[in-house]
Amino acid sequence: MENNNDQTNNESAEDTIEEPFEETVDEIEEEVVKETHTPSRATVKISKRTLKKYIIITLVAAILATAGYYLKSYFIAATVNGKPISRVQVIKELEKQGGKQTLDSEITKTLILQEAVKSNVDVSQETLDQQIKEIETSLTTQGQTLESALELQGMTREDLYEQLKLQKIIEVMLQDRTAVTDAEIDAYIQENKDFLPKEATQEEIVTDVREQLKQQKFATEFQSWVTELKENAKINYYTNY
């Protein structure tokens, strides 16, 4: 009987020991699983930081790609079967063909504008607008528009304004040199009376002759004036054409 009681007591003791032990094992396994599947705060922070960097890199790449697409024309003029022709090549070729003439024209324009500033000569916007209006009216009577005419010349309105302003400045600067006297008009009519239109009135002839003589003087005096400006200016050339 004692043996049976002892055996029973031993089994109860073993059950008592095993139950907490099994519970402890289960708890440990649960903790391990939690630690395995639950990311630490450091891991979460690193993941967010990495994602942020990825987003920034993606945005920068997209911006550069877009900028490259729109800025490509600044570097490449055309492609032929995939081979690019750079704008530098085109510019070099243009410089060979007309670089000297273009540079001389820019120098002349700069000298004229500098001289106008010295002489306090300027052209009002109102004057330029009036000239533009007259040109538009003339083109309209010919069935054209100013926009189409400018497009044919490869010009914009801004180019036209600049050209007209320069022309008007030159006219003002040279007005004393290009003045035509009545004596000059009478001498011209007398010398060319056989070539003048018979149907024209005396007033019309005088007006036409005055304008013609003025244009002749203008061409001569302009070249002389520009030569003087260049001789009195300090011009340094850094490129030879």
C-alpha atoms as a PDB file:
ATOM      1  CA  MET A   1       0.000   0.000   0.000  1.00  0.00           C
ATOM      2  CA  GLU A   2       2.797   2.332   0.816  1.00  0.00           C
ATOM      3  CA  ASN A   3       4.368   1.548  -2.534  1.00  0.00           C
ATOM      4  CA  ASN A   4       1.169   2.404  -4.309  1.00  0.00           C
ATOM      5  CA  ASN A   5       0.845   5.610  -2.375  1.00  0.00           C
ATOM      6  CA  ASP A   6       4.444   6.526  -3.076  1.00  0.00           C
ATOM      7  CA  GLN A   7       3.971   5.824  -6.792  1.00  0.00           C
ATOM      8  CA  THR A   8       0.846   7.940  -6.866  1.00  0.00           C
ATOM      9  CA  ASN A   9       2.608  10.760  -5.059  1.00  0.00           C
ATOM     10  CA  ASN A  10       5.560  10.574  -7.477  1.00  0.00           C
ATOM     11  CA  GLU A  11       3.273  10.777 -10.534  1.00  0.00           C
ATOM     12  CA  SER A  12       1.456  13.760  -9.055  1.00  0.00           C
ATOM     13  CA  ALA A  13       4.783  15.460  -8.375  1.00  0.00           C
ATOM     14  CA  GLU A  14       5.980  14.803 -11.927  1.00  0.00           C
ATOM     15  CA  ASP A  15       2.729  16.208 -13.352  1.00  0.00           C
ATOM     16  CA  THR A  16       3.125  19.220 -11.132  1.00  0.00           C
ATOM     17  CA  ILE A  17       6.687  19.791 -12.352  1.00  0.00           C
ATOM     18  CA  GLU A  18       5.938  19.113 -16.070  1.00  0.00           C
ATOM     19  CA  GLU A  19       2.933  21.445 -16.333  1.00  0.00           C
ATOM     20  CA  PRO A  20       4.834  24.639 -15.352  1.00  0.00           C
ATOM     21  CA  PHE A  21       7.784  23.511 -17.449  1.00  0.00           C
ATOM     22  CA  GLU A  22       5.595  23.039 -20.545  1.00  0.00           C
ATOM     23  CA  GLU A  23       3.976  26.426 -19.962  1.00  0.00           C
ATOM     24  CA  THR A  24       7.397  28.014 -19.638  1.00  0.00           C
ATOM     25  CA  VAL A  25       8.528  26.451 -22.916  1.00  0.00           C
ATOM     26  CA  ASP A  26       5.400  27.654 -24.671  1.00  0.00           C
ATOM     27  CA  GLU A  27       5.947  31.163 -23.341  1.00  0.00           C
ATOM     28  CA  ILE A  28       9.567  31.142 -24.480  1.00  0.00           C
ATOM     29  CA  GLU A  29       8.542  29.980 -27.959  1.00  0.00           C
ATOM     30  CA  GLU A  30       5.924  32.728 -28.179  1.00  0.00           C
ATOM     31  CA  GLU A  31       8.519  35.338 -27.197  1.00  0.00           C
ATOM     32  CA  VAL A  32      10.940  33.991 -29.800  1.00  0.00           C
ATOM     33  CA  VAL A  33       8.222  34.148 -32.471  1.00  0.00           C
ATOM     34  CA  LYS A  34       7.324  37.705 -31.458  1.00  0.00           C
ATOM     35  CA  GLU A  35      10.936  38.804 -31.551  1.00  0.00           C
ATOM     36  CA  THR A  36      11.400  37.098 -34.908  1.00  0.00           C
ATOM     37  CA  HIS A  37       8.383  38.698 -36.630  1.00  0.00           C
ATOM     38  CA  THR A  38       8.263  42.059 -34.909  1.00  0.00           C
ATOM     39  CA  PRO A  39      10.857  44.496 -36.286  1.00  0.00           C
ATOM     40  CA  SER A  40      12.770  46.563 -33.814  1.00  0.00           C
ATOM     41  CA  ARG A  41      12.497  50.366 -33.726  1.00  0.00           C
ATOM     42  CA  ALA A  42      15.978  50.638 -35.212  1.00  0.00           C
ATOM     43  CA  THR A  43      14.936  48.428 -38.113  1.00  0.00           C
ATOM     44  CA  VAL A  44      11.805  50.532 -38.729  1.00  0.00           C
ATOM     45  CA  LYS A  45      13.855  53.730 -38.691  1.00  0.00           C
ATOM     46  CA  ILE A  46      16.373  52.351 -41.146  1.00  0.00           C
ATOM     47  CA  SER A  47      13.595  51.203 -43.460  1.00  0.00           C
ATOM     48  CA  LYS A  48      11.974  54.660 -43.459  1.00  0.00           C
ATOM     49  CA  ARG A  49      15.311  56.344 -44.050  1.00  0.00           C
ATOM     50  CA  THR A  50      16.091  54.015 -46.938  1.00  0.00           C
ATOM     51  CA  LEU A  51      12.645  54.647 -48.449  1.00  0.00           C
ATOM     52  CA  LYS A  52      13.149  58.393 -48.160  1.00  0.00           C
ATOM     53  CA  LYS A  53      16.499  58.175 -49.937  1.00  0.00           C
ATOM     54  CA  TYR A  54      14.949  56.038 -52.657  1.00  0.00           C
ATOM     55  CA  ILE A  55      12.162  58.565 -53.207  1.00  0.00           C
ATOM     56  CA  ILE A  56      14.657  61.457 -53.385  1.00  0.00           C
ATOM     57  CA  ILE A  57      16.872  59.583 -55.847  1.00  0.00           C
ATOM     58  CA  THR A  58      13.851  58.742 -57.999  1.00  0.00           C
ATOM     59  CA  LEU A  59      12.661  62.362 -58.029  1.00  0.00           C
ATOM     60  CA  VAL A  60      16.127  63.672 -58.891  1.00  0.00           C
ATOM     61  CA  ALA A  61      16.451  61.132 -61.688  1.00  0.00           C
ATOM     62  CA  ALA A  62      13.054  62.155 -63.062  1.00  0.00           C
ATOM     63  CA  ILE A  63      13.954  65.850 -62.929  1.00  0.00           C
ATOM     64  CA  LEU A  64      17.278  65.253 -64.655  1.00  0.00           C
ATOM     65  CA  ALA A  65      15.613  63.146 -67.330  1.00  0.00           C
ATOM     66  CA  THR A  66      13.020  65.845 -67.993  1.00  0.00           C
ATOM     67  CA  ALA A  67      15.628  68.606 -68.012  1.00  0.00           C
ATOM     68  CA  GLY A  68      17.825  66.557 -70.323  1.00  0.00           C
ATOM     69  CA  TYR A  69      14.958  66.160 -72.769  1.00  0.00           C
ATOM     70  CA  TYR A  70      14.222  69.874 -72.944  1.00  0.00           C
ATOM     71  CA  LEU A  71      17.848  70.996 -72.797  1.00  0.00           C
ATOM     72  CA  LYS A  72      18.986  68.538 -75.443  1.00  0.00           C
ATOM     73  CA  SER A  73      18.345  71.095 -78.175  1.00  0.00           C
ATOM     74  CA  TYR A  74      20.886  73.387 -76.516  1.00  0.00           C
ATOM     75  CA  PHE A  75      23.625  70.890 -77.249  1.00  0.00           C
ATOM     76  CA  ILE A  76      22.396  68.813 -80.188  1.00  0.00           C
ATOM     77  CA  ALA A  77      21.139  70.387 -83.414  1.00  0.00           C
ATOM     78  CA  ALA A  78      20.078  67.108 -85.075  1.00  0.00           C
ATOM     79  CA  THR A  79      20.753  63.393 -85.295  1.00  0.00           C
ATOM     80  CA  VAL A  80      21.400  61.410 -88.473  1.00  0.00           C
ATOM     81  CA  ASN A  81      20.777  57.687 -88.094  1.00  0.00           C
ATOM     82  CA  GLY A  82      21.490  58.041 -84.410  1.00  0.00           C
ATOM     83  CA  LYS A  83      24.669  60.082 -84.878  1.00  0.00           C
ATOM     84  CA  PRO A  84      24.334  63.523 -83.254  1.00  0.00           C
ATOM     85  CA  ILE A  85      25.302  66.807 -84.866  1.00  0.00           C
ATOM     86  CA  SER A  86      26.148  69.252 -82.120  1.00  0.00           C
ATOM     87  CA  ARG A  87      25.229  72.913 -82.117  1.00  0.00           C
ATOM     88  CA  VAL A  88      28.923  73.678 -81.700  1.00  0.00           C
ATOM     89  CA  GLN A  89      29.586  72.102 -85.111  1.00  0.00           C
ATOM     90  CA  VAL A  90      26.860  74.219 -86.693  1.00  0.00           C
ATOM     91  CA  ILE A  91      28.098  77.401 -85.022  1.00  0.00           C
ATOM     92  CA  LYS A  92      31.668  76.743 -86.154  1.00  0.00           C
ATOM     93  CA  GLU A  93      30.516  76.262 -89.722  1.00  0.00           C
ATOM     94  CA  LEU A  94      28.431  79.429 -89.600  1.00  0.00           C
ATOM     95  CA  GLU A  95      31.400  81.319 -88.216  1.00  0.00           C
ATOM     96  CA  LYS A  96      33.521  80.127 -91.126  1.00  0.00           C
ATOM     97  CA  GLN A  97      30.936  81.345 -93.615  1.00  0.00           C
ATOM     98  CA  GLY A  98      29.984  84.679 -92.108  1.00  0.00           C
ATOM     99  CA  GLY A  99      31.733  85.087 -88.785  1.00  0.00           C
ATOM    100  CA  LYS A 100      33.824  88.084 -89.812  1.00  0.00           C
ATOM    101  CA  GLN A 101      30.872  89.953 -91.305  1.00  0.00           C
ATOM    102  CA  THR A 102      28.632  89.204 -88.324  1.00  0.00           C
ATOM    103  CA  LEU A 103      31.292  90.273 -85.822  1.00  0.00           C
ATOM    104  CA  ASP A 104      31.897  93.508 -87.740  1.00  0.00           C
ATOM    105  CA  SER A 105      28.162  94.191 -87.752  1.00  0.00           C
ATOM    106  CA  GLU A 106      27.943  93.665 -83.985  1.00  0.00           C
ATOM    107  CA  ILE A 107      30.935  95.934 -83.406  1.00  0.00           C
ATOM    108  CA  THR A 108      29.355  98.642 -85.560  1.00  0.00           C
ATOM    109  CA  LYS A 109      26.034  98.360 -83.732  1.00  0.00           C
ATOM    110  CA  THR A 110      27.766  98.596 -80.344  1.00  0.00           C
ATOM    111  CA  LEU A 111      29.716 101.691 -81.412  1.00  0.00           C
ATOM    112  CA  ILE A 112      26.563 103.385 -82.707  1.00  0.00           C
ATOM    113  CA  LEU A 113      24.633 102.721 -79.498  1.00  0.00           C
ATOM    114  CA  GLN A 114      27.558 103.940 -77.389  1.00  0.00           C
ATOM    115  CA  GLU A 115      27.761 107.129 -79.465  1.00  0.00           C
ATOM    116  CA  ALA A 116      24.007 107.634 -79.093  1.00  0.00           C
ATOM    117  CA  VAL A 117      24.344 107.470 -75.304  1.00  0.00           C
ATOM    118  CA  LYS A 118      27.161 110.030 -75.412  1.00  0.00           C
ATOM    119  CA  SER A 119      25.018 112.329 -77.564  1.00  0.00           C
ATOM    120  CA  ASN A 120      21.901 111.691 -75.455  1.00  0.00           C
ATOM    121  CA  VAL A 121      20.001 110.392 -78.477  1.00  0.00           C
ATOM    122  CA  ASP A 122      17.133 107.958 -77.933  1.00  0.00           C
ATOM    123  CA  VAL A 123      13.985 106.817 -79.708  1.00  0.00           C
ATOM    124  CA  SER A 124      10.660 106.747 -77.901  1.00  0.00           C
ATOM    125  CA  GLN A 125       8.446 103.671 -77.810  1.00  0.00           C
ATOM    126  CA  GLU A 126       5.657 105.763 -79.311  1.00  0.00           C
ATOM    127  CA  THR A 127       7.782 106.510 -82.377  1.00  0.00           C
ATOM    128  CA  LEU A 128       8.622 102.846 -82.861  1.00  0.00           C
ATOM    129  CA  ASP A 129       4.984 101.795 -82.412  1.00  0.00           C
ATOM    130  CA  GLN A 130       3.948 104.312 -85.069  1.00  0.00           C
ATOM    131  CA  GLN A 131       6.511 102.916 -87.503  1.00  0.00           C
ATOM    132  CA  ILE A 132       5.332  99.370 -86.828  1.00  0.00           C
ATOM    133  CA  LYS A 133       1.750 100.453 -87.470  1.00  0.00           C
ATOM    134  CA  GLU A 134       2.724 102.011 -90.796  1.00  0.00           C
ATOM    135  CA  ILE A 135       4.505  98.819 -91.834  1.00  0.00           C
ATOM    136  CA  GLU A 136       1.481  96.707 -90.878  1.00  0.00           C
ATOM    137  CA  THR A 137      -0.825  98.971 -92.892  1.00  0.00           C
ATOM    138  CA  SER A 138       1.448  98.750 -95.930  1.00  0.00           C
ATOM    139  CA  LEU A 139       1.629  94.949 -95.711  1.00  0.00           C
ATOM    140  CA  THR A 140      -2.153  94.685 -95.315  1.00  0.00           C
ATOM    141  CA  THR A 141      -2.722  96.511 -98.600  1.00  0.00           C
ATOM    142  CA  GLN A 142      -0.473  93.886-100.205  1.00  0.00           C
ATOM    143  CA  GLY A 143      -2.491  91.041 -98.711  1.00  0.00           C
ATOM    144  CA  GLN A 144       0.157  90.131 -96.138  1.00  0.00           C
ATOM    145  CA  THR A 145       0.511  90.280 -92.378  1.00  0.00           C
ATOM    146  CA  LEU A 146       3.432  91.480 -90.317  1.00  0.00           C
ATOM    147  CA  GLU A 147       3.736  88.070 -88.646  1.00  0.00           C
ATOM    148  CA  SER A 148       4.039  86.220 -91.957  1.00  0.00           C
ATOM    149  CA  ALA A 149       6.549  88.755 -93.290  1.00  0.00           C
ATOM    150  CA  LEU A 150       8.673  88.450 -90.151  1.00  0.00           C
ATOM    151  CA  GLU A 151       8.502  84.663 -90.314  1.00  0.00           C
ATOM    152  CA  LEU A 152       9.808  84.721 -93.887  1.00  0.00           C
ATOM    153  CA  GLN A 153      12.733  86.844 -92.711  1.00  0.00           C
ATOM    154  CA  GLY A 154      13.350  84.657 -89.669  1.00  0.00           C
ATOM    155  CA  MET A 155      12.644  87.607 -87.392  1.00  0.00           C
ATOM    156  CA  THR A 156      10.467  88.381 -84.389  1.00  0.00           C
ATOM    157  CA  ARG A 157       8.715  91.595 -83.403  1.00  0.00           C
ATOM    158  CA  GLU A 158      11.492  92.228 -80.897  1.00  0.00           C
ATOM    159  CA  ASP A 159      14.066  91.935 -83.709  1.00  0.00           C
ATOM    160  CA  LEU A 160      12.083  94.420 -85.800  1.00  0.00           C
ATOM    161  CA  TYR A 161      11.816  96.884 -82.916  1.00  0.00           C
ATOM    162  CA  GLU A 162      15.571  96.664 -82.354  1.00  0.00           C
ATOM    163  CA  GLN A 163      16.292  97.153 -86.051  1.00  0.00           C
ATOM    164  CA  LEU A 164      13.961 100.136 -86.366  1.00  0.00           C
ATOM    165  CA  LYS A 165      15.379 101.729 -83.234  1.00  0.00           C
ATOM    166  CA  LEU A 166      18.932 101.418 -84.540  1.00  0.00           C
ATOM    167  CA  GLN A 167      17.901 102.828 -87.923  1.00  0.00           C
ATOM    168  CA  LYS A 168      16.168 105.798 -86.311  1.00  0.00           C
ATOM    169  CA  ILE A 169      19.155 106.507 -84.074  1.00  0.00           C
ATOM    170  CA  ILE A 170      21.441 106.544 -87.113  1.00  0.00           C
ATOM    171  CA  GLU A 171      19.097 108.931 -88.940  1.00  0.00           C
ATOM    172  CA  VAL A 172      19.094 111.338 -86.000  1.00  0.00           C
ATOM    173  CA  MET A 173      22.872 111.115 -85.584  1.00  0.00           C
ATOM    174  CA  LEU A 174      23.451 111.814 -89.284  1.00  0.00           C
ATOM    175  CA  GLN A 175      20.657 114.276 -89.962  1.00  0.00           C
ATOM    176  CA  ASP A 176      23.057 117.239 -90.310  1.00  0.00           C
ATOM    177  CA  ARG A 177      25.304 115.300 -92.691  1.00  0.00           C
ATOM    178  CA  THR A 178      22.456 114.104 -94.871  1.00  0.00           C
ATOM    179  CA  ALA A 179      20.530 117.365 -95.177  1.00  0.00           C
ATOM    180  CA  VAL A 180      19.714 118.239 -98.798  1.00  0.00           C
ATOM    181  CA  THR A 181      19.661 121.859 -99.939  1.00  0.00           C
ATOM    182  CA  ASP A 182      17.357 123.399-102.530  1.00  0.00           C
ATOM    183  CA  ALA A 183      20.384 124.217-104.659  1.00  0.00           C
ATOM    184  CA  GLU A 184      21.331 120.535-104.785  1.00  0.00           C
ATOM    185  CA  ILE A 185      17.788 119.610-105.809  1.00  0.00           C
ATOM    186  CA  ASP A 186      17.681 122.229-108.584  1.00  0.00           C
ATOM    187  CA  ALA A 187      21.084 121.076-109.890  1.00  0.00           C
ATOM    188  CA  TYR A 188      19.957 117.467-109.982  1.00  0.00           C
ATOM    189  CA  ILE A 189      16.702 118.294-111.814  1.00  0.00           C
ATOM    190  CA  GLN A 190      18.571 120.379-114.361  1.00  0.00           C
ATOM    191  CA  GLU A 191      21.082 117.624-115.032  1.00  0.00           C
ATOM    192  CA  ASN A 192      18.467 114.845-115.242  1.00  0.00           C
ATOM    193  CA  LYS A 193      15.417 116.640-116.700  1.00  0.00           C
ATOM    194  CA  ASP A 194      15.331 114.315-119.723  1.00  0.00           C
ATOM    195  CA  PHE A 195      14.944 111.289-117.434  1.00  0.00           C
ATOM    196  CA  LEU A 196      12.294 112.658-115.083  1.00  0.00           C
ATOM    197  CA  PRO A 197       8.674 111.446-115.462  1.00  0.00           C
ATOM    198  CA  LYS A 198       6.694 113.812-117.681  1.00  0.00           C
ATOM    199  CA  GLU A 199       3.367 113.172-115.926  1.00  0.00           C
ATOM    200  CA  ALA A 200       4.716 114.085-112.458  1.00  0.00           C
ATOM    201  CA  THR A 201       4.103 117.528-110.964  1.00  0.00           C
ATOM    202  CA  GLN A 202       6.956 119.819-109.958  1.00  0.00           C
ATOM    203  CA  GLU A 203       6.178 119.243-106.281  1.00  0.00           C
ATOM    204  CA  GLU A 204       6.282 115.454-106.710  1.00  0.00           C
ATOM    205  CA  ILE A 205       9.571 115.691-108.586  1.00  0.00           C
ATOM    206  CA  VAL A 206      11.148 117.855-105.884  1.00  0.00           C
ATOM    207  CA  THR A 207       9.986 115.466-103.138  1.00  0.00           C
ATOM    208  CA  ASP A 208      11.329 112.401-104.974  1.00  0.00           C
ATOM    209  CA  VAL A 209      14.640 114.073-105.802  1.00  0.00           C
ATOM    210  CA  ARG A 210      15.106 115.268-102.215  1.00  0.00           C
ATOM    211  CA  GLU A 211      14.535 111.717-100.898  1.00  0.00           C
ATOM    212  CA  GLN A 212      16.852 110.210-103.518  1.00  0.00           C
ATOM    213  CA  LEU A 213      19.668 112.641-102.753  1.00  0.00           C
ATOM    214  CA  LYS A 214      19.163 112.085 -99.039  1.00  0.00           C
ATOM    215  CA  GLN A 215      19.544 108.320 -99.476  1.00  0.00           C
ATOM    216  CA  GLN A 216      22.701 108.788-101.516  1.00  0.00           C
ATOM    217  CA  LYS A 217      24.184 111.067 -98.879  1.00  0.00           C
ATOM    218  CA  PHE A 218      23.101 108.729 -96.130  1.00  0.00           C
ATOM    219  CA  ALA A 219      24.953 105.751 -97.660  1.00  0.00           C
ATOM    220  CA  THR A 220      28.133 107.790 -98.103  1.00  0.00           C
ATOM    221  CA  GLU A 221      28.048 109.568 -94.759  1.00  0.00           C
ATOM    222  CA  PHE A 222      27.166 106.425 -92.822  1.00  0.00           C
ATOM    223  CA  GLN A 223      30.261 104.581 -94.034  1.00  0.00           C
ATOM    224  CA  SER A 224      32.416 107.609 -93.312  1.00  0.00           C
ATOM    225  CA  TRP A 225      30.940 108.009 -89.824  1.00  0.00           C
ATOM    226  CA  VAL A 226      31.376 104.336 -88.910  1.00  0.00           C
ATOM    227  CA  THR A 227      34.996 104.469 -90.068  1.00  0.00           C
ATOM    228  CA  GLU A 228      35.569 107.434 -87.758  1.00  0.00           C
ATOM    229  CA  LEU A 229      33.959 105.610 -84.828  1.00  0.00           C
ATOM    230  CA  LYS A 230      36.166 102.555 -85.352  1.00  0.00           C
ATOM    231  CA  GLU A 231      39.317 104.636 -85.656  1.00  0.00           C
ATOM    232  CA  ASN A 232      38.570 106.427 -82.397  1.00  0.00           C
ATOM    233  CA  ALA A 233      37.523 103.284 -80.506  1.00  0.00           C
ATOM    234  CA  LYS A 234      39.641 100.714 -78.700  1.00  0.00           C
ATOM    235  CA  ILE A 235      38.679  97.382 -80.240  1.00  0.00           C
ATOM    236  CA  ASN A 236      40.371  94.153 -79.146  1.00  0.00           C
ATOM    237  CA  TYR A 237      39.890  91.031 -81.245  1.00  0.00           C
ATOM    238  CA  TYR A 238      40.144  87.641 -79.538  1.00  0.00           C
ATOM    239  CA  THR A 239      39.026  85.520 -82.476  1.00  0.00           C
ATOM    240  CA  ASN A 240      40.246  85.499 -86.053  1.00  0.00           C
ATOM    241  CA  TYR A 241      37.906  84.634 -88.907  1.00  0.00           C
END
